[in-house]
PDB file of N, CA and C in Angstrom:
ATOM      1  N   TRP A   1     -15.963 -18.533 -67.665  1.00  0.00           N
ATOM      2  CA  TRP A   1     -17.239 -19.474 -67.760  1.00  0.00           C
ATOM      3  C   TRP A   1     -17.421 -20.494 -66.422  1.00  0.00           C
ATOM      4  N   ILE A   2     -15.852 -20.678 -65.828  1.00  0.00           N
ATOM      5  CA  ILE A   2     -15.815 -21.534 -65.040  1.00  0.00           C
ATOM      6  C   ILE A   2     -16.445 -20.909 -63.606  1.00  0.00           C
ATOM      7  N   CYS A   3     -16.071 -19.448 -63.602  1.00  0.00           N
ATOM      8  CA  CYS A   3     -16.587 -18.590 -62.368  1.00  0.00           C
ATOM      9  C   CYS A   3     -17.989 -18.622 -62.362  1.00  0.00           C
ATOM     10  N   ALA A   4     -18.455 -18.213 -63.472  1.00  0.00           N
ATOM     11  CA  ALA A   4     -20.162 -18.113 -63.549  1.00  0.00           C
ATOM     12  C   ALA A   4     -20.782 -19.261 -63.338  1.00  0.00           C
ATOM     13  N   ALA A   5     -20.278 -20.363 -63.494  1.00  0.00           N
ATOM     14  CA  ALA A   5     -20.804 -21.561 -63.127  1.00  0.00           C
ATOM     15  C   ALA A   5     -20.812 -21.881 -61.649  1.00  0.00           C
ATOM     16  N   MET A   6     -19.694 -21.338 -61.386  1.00  0.00           N
ATOM     17  CA  MET A   6     -19.723 -21.638 -59.782  1.00  0.00           C
ATOM     18  C   MET A   6     -20.312 -20.936 -58.943  1.00  0.00           C
ATOM     19  N   ALA A   7     -20.537 -19.765 -59.406  1.00  0.00           N
ATOM     20  CA  ALA A   7     -21.323 -18.675 -58.572  1.00  0.00           C
ATOM     21  C   ALA A   7     -22.541 -19.037 -58.781  1.00  0.00           C
ATOM     22  N   SER A   8     -22.967 -19.993 -59.877  1.00  0.00           N
ATOM     23  CA  SER A   8     -24.562 -19.952 -59.772  1.00  0.00           C
ATOM     24  C   SER A   8     -24.733 -21.339 -58.921  1.00  0.00           C
ATOM     25  N   LEU A   9     -24.059 -21.515 -58.302  1.00  0.00           N
ATOM     26  CA  LEU A   9     -24.425 -22.897 -57.500  1.00  0.00           C
ATOM     27  C   LEU A   9     -24.373 -22.317 -56.139  1.00  0.00           C
ATOM     28  N   ASP A  10     -24.885 -23.127 -54.841  1.00  0.00           N
ATOM     29  CA  ASP A  10     -25.154 -22.378 -53.556  1.00  0.00           C
ATOM     30  C   ASP A  10     -23.838 -22.738 -52.960  1.00  0.00           C
ATOM     31  N   GLY A  11     -23.917 -22.152 -51.615  1.00  0.00           N
ATOM     32  CA  GLY A  11     -22.793 -22.317 -50.620  1.00  0.00           C
ATOM     33  C   GLY A  11     -21.523 -21.740 -51.032  1.00  0.00           C
ATOM     34  N   LYS A  12     -20.525 -22.516 -50.417  1.00  0.00           N
ATOM     35  CA  LYS A  12     -18.919 -22.268 -50.759  1.00  0.00           C
ATOM     36  C   LYS A  12     -18.490 -21.895 -51.819  1.00  0.00           C
ATOM     37  N   VAL A  13     -19.156 -23.056 -52.722  1.00  0.00           N
ATOM     38  CA  VAL A  13     -18.537 -23.065 -54.266  1.00  0.00           C
ATOM     39  C   VAL A  13     -19.021 -21.730 -54.879  1.00  0.00           C
ATOM     40  N   SER A  14     -20.290 -21.338 -54.560  1.00  0.00           N
ATOM     41  CA  SER A  14     -20.370 -19.945 -54.836  1.00  0.00           C
ATOM     42  C   SER A  14     -19.530 -18.664 -54.840  1.00  0.00           C
ATOM     43  N   LYS A  15     -19.064 -18.684 -53.318  1.00  0.00           N
ATOM     44  CA  LYS A  15     -18.216 -17.792 -52.970  1.00  0.00           C
ATOM     45  C   LYS A  15     -17.074 -17.938 -53.768  1.00  0.00           C
ATOM     46  N   LEU A  16     -16.350 -19.086 -53.865  1.00  0.00           N
ATOM     47  CA  LEU A  16     -15.174 -19.149 -54.441  1.00  0.00           C
ATOM     48  C   LEU A  16     -15.101 -18.622 -55.890  1.00  0.00           C
ATOM     49  N   GLY A  17     -16.296 -18.990 -56.655  1.00  0.00           N
ATOM     50  CA  GLY A  17     -16.454 -18.551 -57.940  1.00  0.00           C
ATOM     51  C   GLY A  17     -16.334 -16.857 -58.170  1.00  0.00           C
ATOM     52  N   ILE A  18     -17.113 -16.397 -57.182  1.00  0.00           N
ATOM     53  CA  ILE A  18     -17.118 -15.118 -57.417  1.00  0.00           C
ATOM     54  C   ILE A  18     -15.695 -14.646 -57.257  1.00  0.00           C
ATOM     55  N   HIS A  19     -14.885 -14.847 -55.835  1.00  0.00           N
ATOM     56  CA  HIS A  19     -13.843 -14.535 -55.361  1.00  0.00           C
ATOM     57  C   HIS A  19     -12.731 -14.781 -56.616  1.00  0.00           C
ATOM     58  N   LEU A  20     -12.509 -15.857 -57.297  1.00  0.00           N
ATOM     59  CA  LEU A  20     -12.028 -16.376 -58.294  1.00  0.00           C
ATOM     60  C   LEU A  20     -12.273 -15.329 -59.569  1.00  0.00           C
ATOM     61  N   SER A  21     -13.406 -14.686 -59.807  1.00  0.00           N
ATOM     62  CA  SER A  21     -13.623 -13.906 -60.719  1.00  0.00           C
ATOM     63  C   SER A  21     -13.238 -12.317 -60.460  1.00  0.00           C
ATOM     64  N   ILE A  22     -13.328 -12.084 -59.223  1.00  0.00           N
ATOM     65  CA  ILE A  22     -12.646 -10.730 -58.843  1.00  0.00           C
ATOM     66  C   ILE A  22     -11.232 -10.865 -58.941  1.00  0.00           C
ATOM     67  N   VAL A  23     -10.314 -11.986 -58.400  1.00  0.00           N
ATOM     68  CA  VAL A  23      -9.060 -12.017 -58.523  1.00  0.00           C
ATOM     69  C   VAL A  23      -8.682 -12.019 -60.218  1.00  0.00           C
ATOM     70  N   GLY A  24      -9.594 -12.436 -60.917  1.00  0.00           N
ATOM     71  CA  GLY A  24      -8.741 -12.740 -62.295  1.00  0.00           C
ATOM     72  C   GLY A  24      -9.251 -11.366 -62.991  1.00  0.00           C
ATOM     73  N   THR A  25     -10.160 -10.597 -62.644  1.00  0.00           N
ATOM     74  CA  THR A  25     -10.335  -9.456 -63.277  1.00  0.00           C
ATOM     75  C   THR A  25      -9.606  -8.278 -62.736  1.00  0.00           C
ATOM     76  N   LEU A  26      -8.991  -8.630 -61.421  1.00  0.00           N
ATOM     77  CA  LEU A  26      -7.990  -7.874 -60.704  1.00  0.00           C
ATOM     78  C   LEU A  26      -6.820  -7.840 -61.867  1.00  0.00           C
ATOM     79  N   ALA A  27      -6.628  -9.013 -62.283  1.00  0.00           N
ATOM     80  CA  ALA A  27      -5.294  -9.450 -62.835  1.00  0.00           C
ATOM     81  C   ALA A  27      -5.231  -8.623 -64.382  1.00  0.00           C
ATOM     82  N   LEU A  28      -6.409  -8.748 -64.970  1.00  0.00           N
ATOM     83  CA  LEU A  28      -6.812  -8.155 -66.185  1.00  0.00           C
ATOM     84  C   LEU A  28      -6.512  -6.542 -66.104  1.00  0.00           C
ATOM     85  N   ILE A  29      -7.134  -6.119 -65.025  1.00  0.00           N
ATOM     86  CA  ILE A  29      -7.060  -4.639 -64.918  1.00  0.00           C
ATOM     87  C   ILE A  29      -5.383  -4.186 -64.813  1.00  0.00           C
ATOM     88  N   VAL A  30      -4.692  -4.714 -64.001  1.00  0.00           N
ATOM     89  CA  VAL A  30      -3.169  -4.405 -63.881  1.00  0.00           C
ATOM     90  C   VAL A  30      -2.623  -4.734 -65.059  1.00  0.00           C
ATOM     91  N   VAL A  31      -2.752  -5.941 -66.050  1.00  0.00           N
ATOM     92  CA  VAL A  31      -2.176  -6.108 -67.538  1.00  0.00           C
ATOM     93  C   VAL A  31      -2.346  -4.768 -68.326  1.00  0.00           C
ATOM     94  N   MET A  32      -4.036  -4.789 -68.273  1.00  0.00           N
ATOM     95  CA  MET A  32      -4.359  -3.740 -69.562  1.00  0.00           C
ATOM     96  C   MET A  32      -3.980  -2.503 -69.220  1.00  0.00           C
ATOM     97  N   GLY A  33      -3.786  -1.936 -67.819  1.00  0.00           N
ATOM     98  CA  GLY A  33      -3.155  -0.410 -67.240  1.00  0.00           C
ATOM     99  C   GLY A  33      -1.888  -0.566 -67.567  1.00  0.00           C
ATOM    100  N   ALA A  34      -1.164  -1.581 -67.337  1.00  0.00           N
ATOM    101  CA  ALA A  34       0.436  -1.769 -67.762  1.00  0.00           C
ATOM    102  C   ALA A  34       0.952  -1.567 -69.618  1.00  0.00           C
ATOM    103  N   GLN A  35      -0.127  -2.199 -70.146  1.00  0.00           N
ATOM    104  CA  GLN A  35      -0.067  -2.280 -71.342  1.00  0.00           C
ATOM    105  C   GLN A  35      -0.345  -0.821 -72.008  1.00  0.00           C
ATOM    106  N   ALA A  36      -1.331  -0.103 -71.444  1.00  0.00           N
ATOM    107  CA  ALA A  36      -1.583   0.978 -72.181  1.00  0.00           C
ATOM    108  C   ALA A  36      -0.833   2.085 -71.676  1.00  0.00           C
ATOM    109  N   TYR A  37      -0.108   1.761 -70.641  1.00  0.00           N
ATOM    110  CA  TYR A  37       0.816   3.010 -70.086  1.00  0.00           C
ATOM    111  C   TYR A  37       2.122   2.945 -70.801  1.00  0.00           C
ATOM    112  N   ARG A  38       2.327   1.630 -71.272  1.00  0.00           N
ATOM    113  CA  ARG A  38       3.556   1.343 -72.011  1.00  0.00           C
ATOM    114  C   ARG A  38       3.346   1.688 -73.684  1.00  0.00           C
ATOM    115  N   SER A  39       1.883   2.143 -74.066  1.00  0.00           N
ATOM    116  CA  SER A  39       1.880   2.478 -75.509  1.00  0.00           C
ATOM    117  C   SER A  39       1.524   3.705 -75.652  1.00  0.00           C
ATOM    118  N   TYR A  40       1.289   4.519 -74.498  1.00  0.00           N
ATOM    119  CA  TYR A  40       0.903   6.123 -74.320  1.00  0.00           C
ATOM    120  C   TYR A  40       1.894   6.765 -75.258  1.00  0.00           C
ATOM    121  N   GLY A  41       1.536   7.869 -75.815  1.00  0.00           N
ATOM    122  CA  GLY A  41       2.736   8.586 -76.395  1.00  0.00           C
ATOM    123  C   GLY A  41       3.606   8.013 -77.443  1.00  0.00           C
ATOM    124  N   ASN A  42       3.146   6.722 -78.091  1.00  0.00           N
ATOM    125  CA  ASN A  42       4.180   6.677 -79.158  1.00  0.00           C
ATOM    126  C   ASN A  42       3.025   6.136 -80.140  1.00  0.00           C
ATOM    127  N   PRO A  43       3.235   7.159 -81.394  1.00  0.00           N
ATOM    128  CA  PRO A  43       2.156   7.115 -82.262  1.00  0.00           C
ATOM    129  C   PRO A  43       2.043   5.855 -82.943  1.00  0.00           C
ATOM    130  N   GLU A  44       2.924   5.057 -82.997  1.00  0.00           N
ATOM    131  CA  GLU A  44       2.949   3.943 -83.907  1.00  0.00           C
ATOM    132  C   GLU A  44       2.228   2.806 -83.004  1.00  0.00           C
ATOM    133  N   LYS A  45       1.911   2.936 -81.726  1.00  0.00           N
ATOM    134  CA  LYS A  45       1.033   2.356 -80.888  1.00  0.00           C
ATOM    135  C   LYS A  45      -0.269   2.542 -80.608  1.00  0.00           C
ATOM    136  N   PHE A  46      -0.707   3.803 -81.367  1.00  0.00           N
ATOM    137  CA  PHE A  46      -2.019   4.515 -80.723  1.00  0.00           C
ATOM    138  C   PHE A  46      -3.253   3.558 -80.634  1.00  0.00           C
ATOM    139  N   ASP A  47      -3.006   2.545 -81.997  1.00  0.00           N
ATOM    140  CA  ASP A  47      -4.171   1.767 -82.092  1.00  0.00           C
ATOM    141  C   ASP A  47      -4.329   0.720 -81.015  1.00  0.00           C
ATOM    142  N   ARG A  48      -2.985   0.178 -80.591  1.00  0.00           N
ATOM    143  CA  ARG A  48      -2.916  -0.597 -79.544  1.00  0.00           C
ATOM    144  C   ARG A  48      -3.407   0.054 -78.030  1.00  0.00           C
ATOM    145  N   PHE A  49      -2.756   1.335 -77.851  1.00  0.00           N
ATOM    146  CA  PHE A  49      -3.142   1.995 -76.815  1.00  0.00           C
ATOM    147  C   PHE A  49      -4.957   2.075 -76.520  1.00  0.00           C
ATOM    148  N   VAL A  50      -5.575   2.349 -77.810  1.00  0.00           N
ATOM    149  CA  VAL A  50      -7.365   2.677 -77.688  1.00  0.00           C
ATOM    150  C   VAL A  50      -7.743   1.086 -76.828  1.00  0.00           C
ATOM    151  N   LEU A  51      -7.051   0.173 -77.946  1.00  0.00           N
ATOM    152  CA  LEU A  51      -7.587  -1.083 -77.407  1.00  0.00           C
ATOM    153  C   LEU A  51      -7.321  -1.390 -75.673  1.00  0.00           C
ATOM    154  N   PHE A  52      -6.346  -1.067 -75.620  1.00  0.00           N
ATOM    155  CA  PHE A  52      -5.944  -1.585 -73.964  1.00  0.00           C
ATOM    156  C   PHE A  52      -6.479  -0.542 -73.029  1.00  0.00           C
ATOM    157  N   VAL A  53      -7.129   0.850 -73.445  1.00  0.00           N
ATOM    158  CA  VAL A  53      -8.030   1.523 -72.524  1.00  0.00           C
ATOM    159  C   VAL A  53      -9.059   0.965 -72.534  1.00  0.00           C
ATOM    160  N   ILE A  54      -9.671   0.558 -73.820  1.00  0.00           N
ATOM    161  CA  ILE A  54     -11.125  -0.072 -73.620  1.00  0.00           C
ATOM    162  C   ILE A  54     -11.312  -1.090 -73.098  1.00  0.00           C
ATOM    163  N   MET A  55     -10.119  -2.022 -73.222  1.00  0.00           N
ATOM    164  CA  MET A  55     -10.419  -3.345 -72.272  1.00  0.00           C
ATOM    165  C   MET A  55      -9.887  -3.024 -70.610  1.00  0.00           C
ATOM    166  N   PHE A  56      -9.152  -1.956 -70.246  1.00  0.00           N
ATOM    167  CA  PHE A  56      -8.932  -1.667 -68.921  1.00  0.00           C
ATOM    168  C   PHE A  56     -10.297  -1.220 -68.540  1.00  0.00           C
ATOM    169  N   LEU A  57     -11.218  -0.333 -69.231  1.00  0.00           N
ATOM    170  CA  LEU A  57     -12.527   0.073 -68.830  1.00  0.00           C
ATOM    171  C   LEU A  57     -13.222  -0.957 -68.530  1.00  0.00           C
ATOM    172  N   GLY A  58     -13.326  -1.803 -69.392  1.00  0.00           N
ATOM    173  CA  GLY A  58     -14.563  -2.826 -69.457  1.00  0.00           C
ATOM    174  C   GLY A  58     -14.115  -3.645 -68.307  1.00  0.00           C
ATOM    175  N   SER A  59     -12.835  -3.972 -67.950  1.00  0.00           N
ATOM    176  CA  SER A  59     -12.267  -4.808 -66.854  1.00  0.00           C
ATOM    177  C   SER A  59     -12.811  -4.012 -65.460  1.00  0.00           C
ATOM    178  N   VAL A  60     -12.723  -2.581 -65.529  1.00  0.00           N
ATOM    179  CA  VAL A  60     -13.162  -1.919 -64.302  1.00  0.00           C
ATOM    180  C   VAL A  60     -14.318  -2.251 -63.907  1.00  0.00           C
ATOM    181  N   VAL A  61     -15.402  -1.988 -64.983  1.00  0.00           N
ATOM    182  CA  VAL A  61     -16.862  -2.029 -65.095  1.00  0.00           C
ATOM    183  C   VAL A  61     -17.288  -3.843 -64.385  1.00  0.00           C
ATOM    184  N   ASN A  62     -16.474  -4.905 -64.990  1.00  0.00           N
ATOM    185  CA  ASN A  62     -16.662  -6.074 -64.590  1.00  0.00           C
ATOM    186  C   ASN A  62     -16.213  -6.217 -63.127  1.00  0.00           C
ATOM    187  N   MET A  63     -15.205  -5.545 -62.535  1.00  0.00           N
ATOM    188  CA  MET A  63     -14.872  -5.707 -61.258  1.00  0.00           C
ATOM    189  C   MET A  63     -15.671  -5.190 -60.340  1.00  0.00           C
ATOM    190  N   VAL A  64     -16.583  -3.821 -60.715  1.00  0.00           N
ATOM    191  CA  VAL A  64     -17.405  -3.358 -59.701  1.00  0.00           C
ATOM    192  C   VAL A  64     -18.651  -4.202 -59.920  1.00  0.00           C
ATOM    193  N   ARG A  65     -19.018  -4.872 -60.841  1.00  0.00           N
ATOM    194  CA  ARG A  65     -20.159  -5.552 -60.962  1.00  0.00           C
ATOM    195  C   ARG A  65     -19.657  -6.964 -59.974  1.00  0.00           C
ATOM    196  N   SER A  66     -18.717  -7.494 -60.116  1.00  0.00           N
ATOM    197  CA  SER A  66     -18.313  -8.737 -59.540  1.00  0.00           C
ATOM    198  C   SER A  66     -18.422  -8.411 -57.705  1.00  0.00           C
ATOM    199  N   ILE A  67     -18.191  -7.321 -57.510  1.00  0.00           N
ATOM    200  CA  ILE A  67     -18.221  -6.996 -56.043  1.00  0.00           C
ATOM    201  C   ILE A  67     -19.392  -6.874 -55.959  1.00  0.00           C
ATOM    202  N   MET A  68     -20.285  -6.253 -56.569  1.00  0.00           N
ATOM    203  CA  MET A  68     -21.758  -6.014 -55.976  1.00  0.00           C
ATOM    204  C   MET A  68     -22.690  -7.458 -56.072  1.00  0.00           C
ATOM    205  N   LEU A  69     -21.836  -8.361 -56.653  1.00  0.00           N
ATOM    206  CA  LEU A  69     -22.573  -9.581 -56.736  1.00  0.00           C
ATOM    207  C   LEU A  69     -21.908 -10.661 -55.491  1.00  0.00           C
ATOM    208  N   LYS A  70     -20.466 -10.029 -54.902  1.00  0.00           N
ATOM    209  CA  LYS A  70     -19.961 -10.672 -53.931  1.00  0.00           C
ATOM    210  C   LYS A  70     -20.662 -10.812 -52.804  1.00  0.00           C
ATOM    211  N   PRO A  71     -20.935 -12.357 -52.199  1.00  0.00           N
ATOM    212  CA  PRO A  71     -21.928 -12.564 -51.189  1.00  0.00           C
ATOM    213  C   PRO A  71     -21.603 -11.893 -49.930  1.00  0.00           C
ATOM    214  N   LYS A  72     -22.585 -11.053 -49.219  1.00  0.00           N
ATOM    215  CA  LYS A  72     -22.374 -10.540 -47.890  1.00  0.00           C
ATOM    216  C   LYS A  72     -21.765 -11.446 -46.921  1.00  0.00           C
ATOM    217  N   SER A  73     -20.894 -11.116 -45.912  1.00  0.00           N
ATOM    218  CA  SER A  73     -20.681 -12.227 -44.786  1.00  0.00           C
ATOM    219  C   SER A  73     -22.068 -11.723 -43.897  1.00  0.00           C
ATOM    220  N   ALA A  74     -21.974 -12.719 -42.954  1.00  0.00           N
ATOM    221  CA  ALA A  74     -23.025 -12.818 -41.845  1.00  0.00           C
ATOM    222  C   ALA A  74     -22.873 -11.528 -40.899  1.00  0.00           C
ATOM    223  N   LYS A  75     -21.631 -11.277 -40.789  1.00  0.00           N
ATOM    224  CA  LYS A  75     -21.393  -9.848 -40.076  1.00  0.00           C
ATOM    225  C   LYS A  75     -21.891  -8.631 -40.842  1.00  0.00           C
ATOM    226  N   THR A  76     -21.628  -8.339 -41.988  1.00  0.00           N
ATOM    227  CA  THR A  76     -21.990  -7.375 -42.639  1.00  0.00           C
ATOM    228  C   THR A  76     -23.626  -6.992 -42.565  1.00  0.00           C
ATOM    229  N   ALA A  77     -24.432  -8.360 -42.857  1.00  0.00           N
ATOM    230  CA  ALA A  77     -25.798  -8.889 -43.308  1.00  0.00           C
ATOM    231  C   ALA A  77     -26.332  -8.210 -41.810  1.00  0.00           C
ATOM    232  N   LYS A  78     -25.972  -8.641 -40.792  1.00  0.00           N
ATOM    233  CA  LYS A  78     -26.430  -8.256 -39.444  1.00  0.00           C
ATOM    234  C   LYS A  78     -26.380  -6.798 -39.121  1.00  0.00           C
ATOM    235  N   THR A  79     -25.272  -6.071 -39.601  1.00  0.00           N
ATOM    236  CA  THR A  79     -24.842  -4.760 -39.367  1.00  0.00           C
ATOM    237  C   THR A  79     -25.923  -3.881 -40.245  1.00  0.00           C
ATOM    238  N   ALA A  80     -26.049  -4.493 -41.488  1.00  0.00           N
ATOM    239  CA  ALA A  80     -27.316  -3.815 -42.399  1.00  0.00           C
ATOM    240  C   ALA A  80     -28.396  -3.676 -41.885  1.00  0.00           C
ATOM    241  N   LYS A  81     -28.795  -4.775 -41.188  1.00  0.00           N
ATOM    242  CA  LYS A  81     -30.469  -4.962 -40.807  1.00  0.00           C
ATOM    243  C   LYS A  81     -30.413  -3.803 -39.673  1.00  0.00           C
ATOM    244  N   LYS A  82     -29.340  -3.857 -38.722  1.00  0.00           N
ATOM    245  CA  LYS A  82     -29.530  -3.033 -37.608  1.00  0.00           C
ATOM    246  C   LYS A  82     -29.643  -1.499 -38.129  1.00  0.00           C
ATOM    247  N   LYS A  83     -28.801  -1.167 -38.971  1.00  0.00           N
ATOM    248  CA  LYS A  83     -28.673   0.092 -39.371  1.00  0.00           C
ATOM    249  C   LYS A  83     -30.200   0.799 -40.085  1.00  0.00           C
ATOM    250  N   ALA A  84     -30.986  -0.487 -40.654  1.00  0.00           N
ATOM    251  CA  ALA A  84     -32.246  -0.169 -41.264  1.00  0.00           C
ATOM    252  C   ALA A  84     -33.339  -0.092 -40.511  1.00  0.00           C
TER     253      ALA A  84
END
């Protein structure tokens, strides 16, 4: 929620909020992937495996959406205008 509040503001605070969201999501992807890997193949932990895979995929979707919302730098915006 803090990152979302920061992202809704203007200027550098917005950029900081979006980048913090990306870093946090990356940490979740690593943790959920590692936990899914550790519980894979163990019949006693199959319920956890399913949960970790779902959370991993949700984190990947969130990462993609966060990257799409990431503000473009001035260089990137100028290059995109020249190509169009």
